[in-house]
Amino acid sequence: MTHITIMLDAATEARLRLAAEIHDRRVEDLAELAIAEAGHAYFADRPQEDPARNMGVLHPLLFAEAL
């Protein structure tokens, strides 16, 4: 698994902190989900180019209501 370091502006940090508290998650969990969803969305209209198209796995941190 790849590890990255990102810089957040104050507004994004405040939003993620509150959302993490509401959902009883870590801020890092929400950031991981956002990155995973961005990758999925990028390839949504070009599935044949998606390197993960046959993996058939969901992100392990998905909220229960998303399943």
PDB file of N, CA and C in Angstrom:
ATOM      1  N   MET A   1       0.841  -1.171   0.000  1.00  0.00           N
ATOM      2  CA  MET A   1       0.000   0.000   0.000  1.00  0.00           C
ATOM      3  C   MET A   1       0.888   1.236   0.000  1.00  0.00           C
ATOM      4  N   THR A   2       0.501   2.225  -0.762  1.00  0.00           N
ATOM      5  CA  THR A   2       1.249   3.462  -0.871  1.00  0.00           C
ATOM      6  C   THR A   2       0.915   4.397   0.285  1.00  0.00           C
ATOM      7  N   HIS A   3       1.918   5.105   0.763  1.00  0.00           N
ATOM      8  CA  HIS A   3       1.711   6.123   1.791  1.00  0.00           C
ATOM      9  C   HIS A   3       2.023   7.477   1.176  1.00  0.00           C
ATOM     10  N   ILE A   4       1.182   8.475   1.460  1.00  0.00           N
ATOM     11  CA  ILE A   4       1.415   9.825   0.964  1.00  0.00           C
ATOM     12  C   ILE A   4       1.212  10.816   2.097  1.00  0.00           C
ATOM     13  N   THR A   5       1.803  11.978   1.937  1.00  0.00           N
ATOM     14  CA  THR A   5       1.604  13.080   2.864  1.00  0.00           C
ATOM     15  C   THR A   5       0.940  14.199   2.078  1.00  0.00           C
ATOM     16  N   ILE A   6      -0.136  14.762   2.608  1.00  0.00           N
ATOM     17  CA  ILE A   6      -0.830  15.839   1.916  1.00  0.00           C
ATOM     18  C   ILE A   6      -0.979  17.038   2.835  1.00  0.00           C
ATOM     19  N   MET A   7      -1.049  18.206   2.243  1.00  0.00           N
ATOM     20  CA  MET A   7      -1.292  19.438   2.983  1.00  0.00           C
ATOM     21  C   MET A   7      -2.760  19.805   2.794  1.00  0.00           C
ATOM     22  N   LEU A   8      -3.423  20.159   3.872  1.00  0.00           N
ATOM     23  CA  LEU A   8      -4.823  20.565   3.820  1.00  0.00           C
ATOM     24  C   LEU A   8      -4.942  22.042   4.157  1.00  0.00           C
ATOM     25  N   ASP A   9      -5.828  22.731   3.438  1.00  0.00           N
ATOM     26  CA  ASP A   9      -6.116  24.110   3.825  1.00  0.00           C
ATOM     27  C   ASP A   9      -6.979  24.062   5.089  1.00  0.00           C
ATOM     28  N   ALA A  10      -7.096  25.191   5.751  1.00  0.00           N
ATOM     29  CA  ALA A  10      -7.804  25.243   7.035  1.00  0.00           C
ATOM     30  C   ALA A  10      -9.264  24.821   6.912  1.00  0.00           C
ATOM     31  N   ALA A  11      -9.924  25.216   5.835  1.00  0.00           N
ATOM     32  CA  ALA A  11     -11.340  24.870   5.663  1.00  0.00           C
ATOM     33  C   ALA A  11     -11.521  23.367   5.487  1.00  0.00           C
ATOM     34  N   THR A  12     -10.673  22.754   4.677  1.00  0.00           N
ATOM     35  CA  THR A  12     -10.768  21.308   4.459  1.00  0.00           C
ATOM     36  C   THR A  12     -10.472  20.554   5.741  1.00  0.00           C
ATOM     37  N   GLU A  13      -9.471  21.002   6.473  1.00  0.00           N
ATOM     38  CA  GLU A  13      -9.149  20.353   7.742  1.00  0.00           C
ATOM     39  C   GLU A  13     -10.325  20.430   8.708  1.00  0.00           C
ATOM     40  N   ALA A  14     -10.949  21.600   8.808  1.00  0.00           N
ATOM     41  CA  ALA A  14     -12.094  21.763   9.713  1.00  0.00           C
ATOM     42  C   ALA A  14     -13.236  20.842   9.306  1.00  0.00           C
ATOM     43  N   ARG A  15     -13.505  20.763   8.009  1.00  0.00           N
ATOM     44  CA  ARG A  15     -14.581  19.890   7.525  1.00  0.00           C
ATOM     45  C   ARG A  15     -14.284  18.427   7.835  1.00  0.00           C
ATOM     46  N   LEU A  16     -13.059  18.004   7.549  1.00  0.00           N
ATOM     47  CA  LEU A  16     -12.708  16.603   7.789  1.00  0.00           C
ATOM     48  C   LEU A  16     -12.723  16.265   9.276  1.00  0.00           C
ATOM     49  N   ARG A  17     -12.258  17.181  10.106  1.00  0.00           N
ATOM     50  CA  ARG A  17     -12.274  16.921  11.556  1.00  0.00           C
ATOM     51  C   ARG A  17     -13.699  16.736  12.068  1.00  0.00           C
ATOM     52  N   LEU A  18     -14.614  17.598  11.645  1.00  0.00           N
ATOM     53  CA  LEU A  18     -16.000  17.474  12.094  1.00  0.00           C
ATOM     54  C   LEU A  18     -16.640  16.212  11.523  1.00  0.00           C
ATOM     55  N   ALA A  19     -16.436  15.936  10.245  1.00  0.00           N
ATOM     56  CA  ALA A  19     -17.004  14.724   9.637  1.00  0.00           C
ATOM     57  C   ALA A  19     -16.453  13.476  10.313  1.00  0.00           C
ATOM     58  N   ALA A  20     -15.169  13.477  10.634  1.00  0.00           N
ATOM     59  CA  ALA A  20     -14.563  12.335  11.318  1.00  0.00           C
ATOM     60  C   ALA A  20     -15.198  12.131  12.691  1.00  0.00           C
ATOM     61  N   GLU A  21     -15.434  13.224  13.387  1.00  0.00           N
ATOM     62  CA  GLU A  21     -16.071  13.132  14.704  1.00  0.00           C
ATOM     63  C   GLU A  21     -17.500  12.602  14.583  1.00  0.00           C
ATOM     64  N   ILE A  22     -18.245  13.117  13.618  1.00  0.00           N
ATOM     65  CA  ILE A  22     -19.634  12.690  13.418  1.00  0.00           C
ATOM     66  C   ILE A  22     -19.714  11.199  13.119  1.00  0.00           C
ATOM     67  N   HIS A  23     -18.801  10.709  12.290  1.00  0.00           N
ATOM     68  CA  HIS A  23     -18.842   9.305  11.858  1.00  0.00           C
ATOM     69  C   HIS A  23     -17.940   8.393  12.686  1.00  0.00           C
ATOM     70  N   ASP A  24     -17.360   8.933  13.751  1.00  0.00           N
ATOM     71  CA  ASP A  24     -16.472   8.162  14.623  1.00  0.00           C
ATOM     72  C   ASP A  24     -15.357   7.497  13.815  1.00  0.00           C
ATOM     73  N   ARG A  25     -14.721   8.294  12.985  1.00  0.00           N
ATOM     74  CA  ARG A  25     -13.601   7.850  12.149  1.00  0.00           C
ATOM     75  C   ARG A  25     -12.420   8.772  12.388  1.00  0.00           C
ATOM     76  N   ARG A  26     -11.267   8.329  11.905  1.00  0.00           N
ATOM     77  CA  ARG A  26     -10.087   9.189  11.928  1.00  0.00           C
ATOM     78  C   ARG A  26     -10.130  10.105  10.698  1.00  0.00           C
ATOM     79  N   VAL A  27      -9.523  11.274  10.799  1.00  0.00           N
ATOM     80  CA  VAL A  27      -9.412  12.163   9.639  1.00  0.00           C
ATOM     81  C   VAL A  27      -8.715  11.426   8.502  1.00  0.00           C
ATOM     82  N   GLU A  28      -7.708  10.646   8.832  1.00  0.00           N
ATOM     83  CA  GLU A  28      -6.970   9.891   7.823  1.00  0.00           C
ATOM     84  C   GLU A  28      -7.877   8.907   7.083  1.00  0.00           C
ATOM     85  N   ASP A  29      -8.836   8.312   7.804  1.00  0.00           N
ATOM     86  CA  ASP A  29      -9.785   7.396   7.159  1.00  0.00           C
ATOM     87  C   ASP A  29     -10.587   8.122   6.086  1.00  0.00           C
ATOM     88  N   LEU A  30     -11.063   9.319   6.422  1.00  0.00           N
ATOM     89  CA  LEU A  30     -11.853  10.087   5.462  1.00  0.00           C
ATOM     90  C   LEU A  30     -11.005  10.517   4.273  1.00  0.00           C
ATOM     91  N   ALA A  31      -9.756  10.882   4.522  1.00  0.00           N
ATOM     92  CA  ALA A  31      -8.862  11.259   3.424  1.00  0.00           C
ATOM     93  C   ALA A  31      -8.614  10.064   2.505  1.00  0.00           C
ATOM     94  N   GLU A  32      -8.418   8.882   3.084  1.00  0.00           N
ATOM     95  CA  GLU A  32      -8.225   7.674   2.272  1.00  0.00           C
ATOM     96  C   GLU A  32      -9.445   7.405   1.401  1.00  0.00           C
ATOM     97  N   LEU A  33     -10.629   7.545   1.977  1.00  0.00           N
ATOM     98  CA  LEU A  33     -11.856   7.338   1.208  1.00  0.00           C
ATOM     99  C   LEU A  33     -11.979   8.348   0.075  1.00  0.00           C
ATOM    100  N   ALA A  34     -11.655   9.604   0.354  1.00  0.00           N
ATOM    101  CA  ALA A  34     -11.747  10.645  -0.669  1.00  0.00           C
ATOM    102  C   ALA A  34     -10.809  10.348  -1.832  1.00  0.00           C
ATOM    103  N   ILE A  35      -9.607   9.908  -1.528  1.00  0.00           N
ATOM    104  CA  ILE A  35      -8.646   9.580  -2.576  1.00  0.00           C
ATOM    105  C   ILE A  35      -9.116   8.365  -3.368  1.00  0.00           C
ATOM    106  N   ALA A  36      -9.618   7.351  -2.676  1.00  0.00           N
ATOM    107  CA  ALA A  36     -10.118   6.151  -3.360  1.00  0.00           C
ATOM    108  C   ALA A  36     -11.283   6.500  -4.284  1.00  0.00           C
ATOM    109  N   GLU A  37     -12.193   7.342  -3.805  1.00  0.00           N
ATOM    110  CA  GLU A  37     -13.339   7.732  -4.626  1.00  0.00           C
ATOM    111  C   GLU A  37     -12.916   8.587  -5.811  1.00  0.00           C
ATOM    112  N   ALA A  38     -11.915   9.432  -5.632  1.00  0.00           N
ATOM    113  CA  ALA A  38     -11.423  10.254  -6.740  1.00  0.00           C
ATOM    114  C   ALA A  38     -10.831   9.369  -7.834  1.00  0.00           C
ATOM    115  N   GLY A  39     -10.087   8.354  -7.441  1.00  0.00           N
ATOM    116  CA  GLY A  39      -9.537   7.422  -8.424  1.00  0.00           C
ATOM    117  C   GLY A  39     -10.627   6.675  -9.159  1.00  0.00           C
ATOM    118  N   HIS A  40     -11.635   6.232  -8.430  1.00  0.00           N
ATOM    119  CA  HIS A  40     -12.761   5.524  -9.041  1.00  0.00           C
ATOM    120  C   HIS A  40     -13.507   6.440 -10.008  1.00  0.00           C
ATOM    121  N   ALA A  41     -13.761   7.671  -9.598  1.00  0.00           N
ATOM    122  CA  ALA A  41     -14.489   8.626 -10.441  1.00  0.00           C
ATOM    123  C   ALA A  41     -13.709   8.963 -11.707  1.00  0.00           C
ATOM    124  N   TYR A  42     -12.392   9.052 -11.590  1.00  0.00           N
ATOM    125  CA  TYR A  42     -11.567   9.384 -12.750  1.00  0.00           C
ATOM    126  C   TYR A  42     -11.761   8.372 -13.872  1.00  0.00           C
ATOM    127  N   PHE A  43     -11.874   7.102 -13.525  1.00  0.00           N
ATOM    128  CA  PHE A  43     -11.995   6.049 -14.528  1.00  0.00           C
ATOM    129  C   PHE A  43     -13.437   5.624 -14.800  1.00  0.00           C
ATOM    130  N   ALA A  44     -14.412   6.300 -14.207  1.00  0.00           N
ATOM    131  CA  ALA A  44     -15.816   5.898 -14.361  1.00  0.00           C
ATOM    132  C   ALA A  44     -16.274   5.898 -15.811  1.00  0.00           C
ATOM    133  N   ASP A  45     -15.801   6.837 -16.607  1.00  0.00           N
ATOM    134  CA  ASP A  45     -16.235   6.899 -18.004  1.00  0.00           C
ATOM    135  C   ASP A  45     -15.239   6.258 -18.968  1.00  0.00           C
ATOM    136  N   ARG A  46     -14.223   5.597 -18.443  1.00  0.00           N
ATOM    137  CA  ARG A  46     -13.252   4.872 -19.260  1.00  0.00           C
ATOM    138  C   ARG A  46     -12.835   3.579 -18.563  1.00  0.00           C
ATOM    139  N   PRO A  47     -13.803   2.706 -18.281  1.00  0.00           N
ATOM    140  CA  PRO A  47     -13.533   1.507 -17.487  1.00  0.00           C
ATOM    141  C   PRO A  47     -12.469   0.582 -18.083  1.00  0.00           C
ATOM    142  N   GLN A  48     -12.315   0.572 -19.382  1.00  0.00           N
ATOM    143  CA  GLN A  48     -11.311  -0.309 -19.979  1.00  0.00           C
ATOM    144  C   GLN A  48      -9.886   0.133 -19.656  1.00  0.00           C
ATOM    145  N   GLU A  49      -9.703   1.386 -19.285  1.00  0.00           N
ATOM    146  CA  GLU A  49      -8.378   1.896 -18.923  1.00  0.00           C
ATOM    147  C   GLU A  49      -8.101   1.772 -17.425  1.00  0.00           C
ATOM    148  N   ASP A  50      -9.119   1.433 -16.649  1.00  0.00           N
ATOM    149  CA  ASP A  50      -8.989   1.381 -15.192  1.00  0.00           C
ATOM    150  C   ASP A  50      -8.111   0.200 -14.786  1.00  0.00           C
ATOM    151  N   PRO A  51      -6.964   0.456 -14.161  1.00  0.00           N
ATOM    152  CA  PRO A  51      -6.086  -0.637 -13.753  1.00  0.00           C
ATOM    153  C   PRO A  51      -6.685  -1.514 -12.649  1.00  0.00           C
ATOM    154  N   ALA A  52      -7.751  -1.058 -12.010  1.00  0.00           N
ATOM    155  CA  ALA A  52      -8.387  -1.824 -10.932  1.00  0.00           C
ATOM    156  C   ALA A  52      -9.702  -2.452 -11.373  1.00  0.00           C
ATOM    157  N   ARG A  53      -9.992  -2.453 -12.665  1.00  0.00           N
ATOM    158  CA  ARG A  53     -11.315  -2.888 -13.146  1.00  0.00           C
ATOM    159  C   ARG A  53     -11.662  -4.315 -12.771  1.00  0.00           C
ATOM    160  N   ASN A  54     -10.706  -5.202 -12.648  1.00  0.00           N
ATOM    161  CA  ASN A  54     -10.998  -6.603 -12.333  1.00  0.00           C
ATOM    162  C   ASN A  54     -10.679  -6.981 -10.894  1.00  0.00           C
ATOM    163  N   MET A  55     -10.352  -6.012 -10.088  1.00  0.00           N
ATOM    164  CA  MET A  55      -9.990  -6.321  -8.703  1.00  0.00           C
ATOM    165  C   MET A  55     -11.209  -6.655  -7.862  1.00  0.00           C
ATOM    166  N   GLY A  56     -12.335  -6.035  -8.129  1.00  0.00           N
ATOM    167  CA  GLY A  56     -13.572  -6.363  -7.432  1.00  0.00           C
ATOM    168  C   GLY A  56     -13.526  -6.175  -5.934  1.00  0.00           C
ATOM    169  N   VAL A  57     -12.735  -5.229  -5.459  1.00  0.00           N
ATOM    170  CA  VAL A  57     -12.645  -4.992  -4.016  1.00  0.00           C
ATOM    171  C   VAL A  57     -13.188  -3.618  -3.682  1.00  0.00           C
ATOM    172  N   LEU A  58     -13.831  -3.523  -2.545  1.00  0.00           N
ATOM    173  CA  LEU A  58     -14.280  -2.245  -2.027  1.00  0.00           C
ATOM    174  C   LEU A  58     -13.257  -1.744  -1.027  1.00  0.00           C
ATOM    175  N   HIS A  59     -13.189  -0.459  -0.882  1.00  0.00           N
ATOM    176  CA  HIS A  59     -12.273   0.109   0.100  1.00  0.00           C
ATOM    177  C   HIS A  59     -12.689  -0.383   1.485  1.00  0.00           C
ATOM    178  N   PRO A  60     -11.745  -0.866   2.302  1.00  0.00           N
ATOM    179  CA  PRO A  60     -12.097  -1.448   3.604  1.00  0.00           C
ATOM    180  C   PRO A  60     -12.706  -0.459   4.593  1.00  0.00           C
ATOM    181  N   LEU A  61     -12.615   0.822   4.326  1.00  0.00           N
ATOM    182  CA  LEU A  61     -13.129   1.812   5.270  1.00  0.00           C
ATOM    183  C   LEU A  61     -14.489   2.371   4.888  1.00  0.00           C
ATOM    184  N   LEU A  62     -15.140   1.789   3.877  1.00  0.00           N
ATOM    185  CA  LEU A  62     -16.444   2.300   3.464  1.00  0.00           C
ATOM    186  C   LEU A  62     -17.421   2.294   4.627  1.00  0.00           C
ATOM    187  N   PHE A  63     -18.241   3.310   4.672  1.00  0.00           N
ATOM    188  CA  PHE A  63     -19.275   3.363   5.698  1.00  0.00           C
ATOM    189  C   PHE A  63     -20.294   2.265   5.443  1.00  0.00           C
ATOM    190  N   ALA A  64     -20.848   1.717   6.481  1.00  0.00           N
ATOM    191  CA  ALA A  64     -21.816   0.623   6.355  1.00  0.00           C
ATOM    192  C   ALA A  64     -22.982   1.014   5.458  1.00  0.00           C
ATOM    193  N   GLU A  65     -23.447   2.269   5.544  1.00  0.00           N
ATOM    194  CA  GLU A  65     -24.586   2.682   4.725  1.00  0.00           C
ATOM    195  C   GLU A  65     -24.247   2.752   3.239  1.00  0.00           C
ATOM    196  N   ALA A  66     -22.952   2.746   2.895  1.00  0.00           N
ATOM    197  CA  ALA A  66     -22.548   2.784   1.487  1.00  0.00           C
ATOM    198  C   ALA A  66     -22.537   1.394   0.866  1.00  0.00           C
ATOM    199  N   LEU A  67     -22.653   0.367   1.693  1.00  0.00           N
ATOM    200  CA  LEU A  67     -22.578  -1.007   1.171  1.00  0.00           C
ATOM    201  C   LEU A  67     -23.915  -1.549   0.758  1.00  0.00           C
TER     202      LEU A  67
END
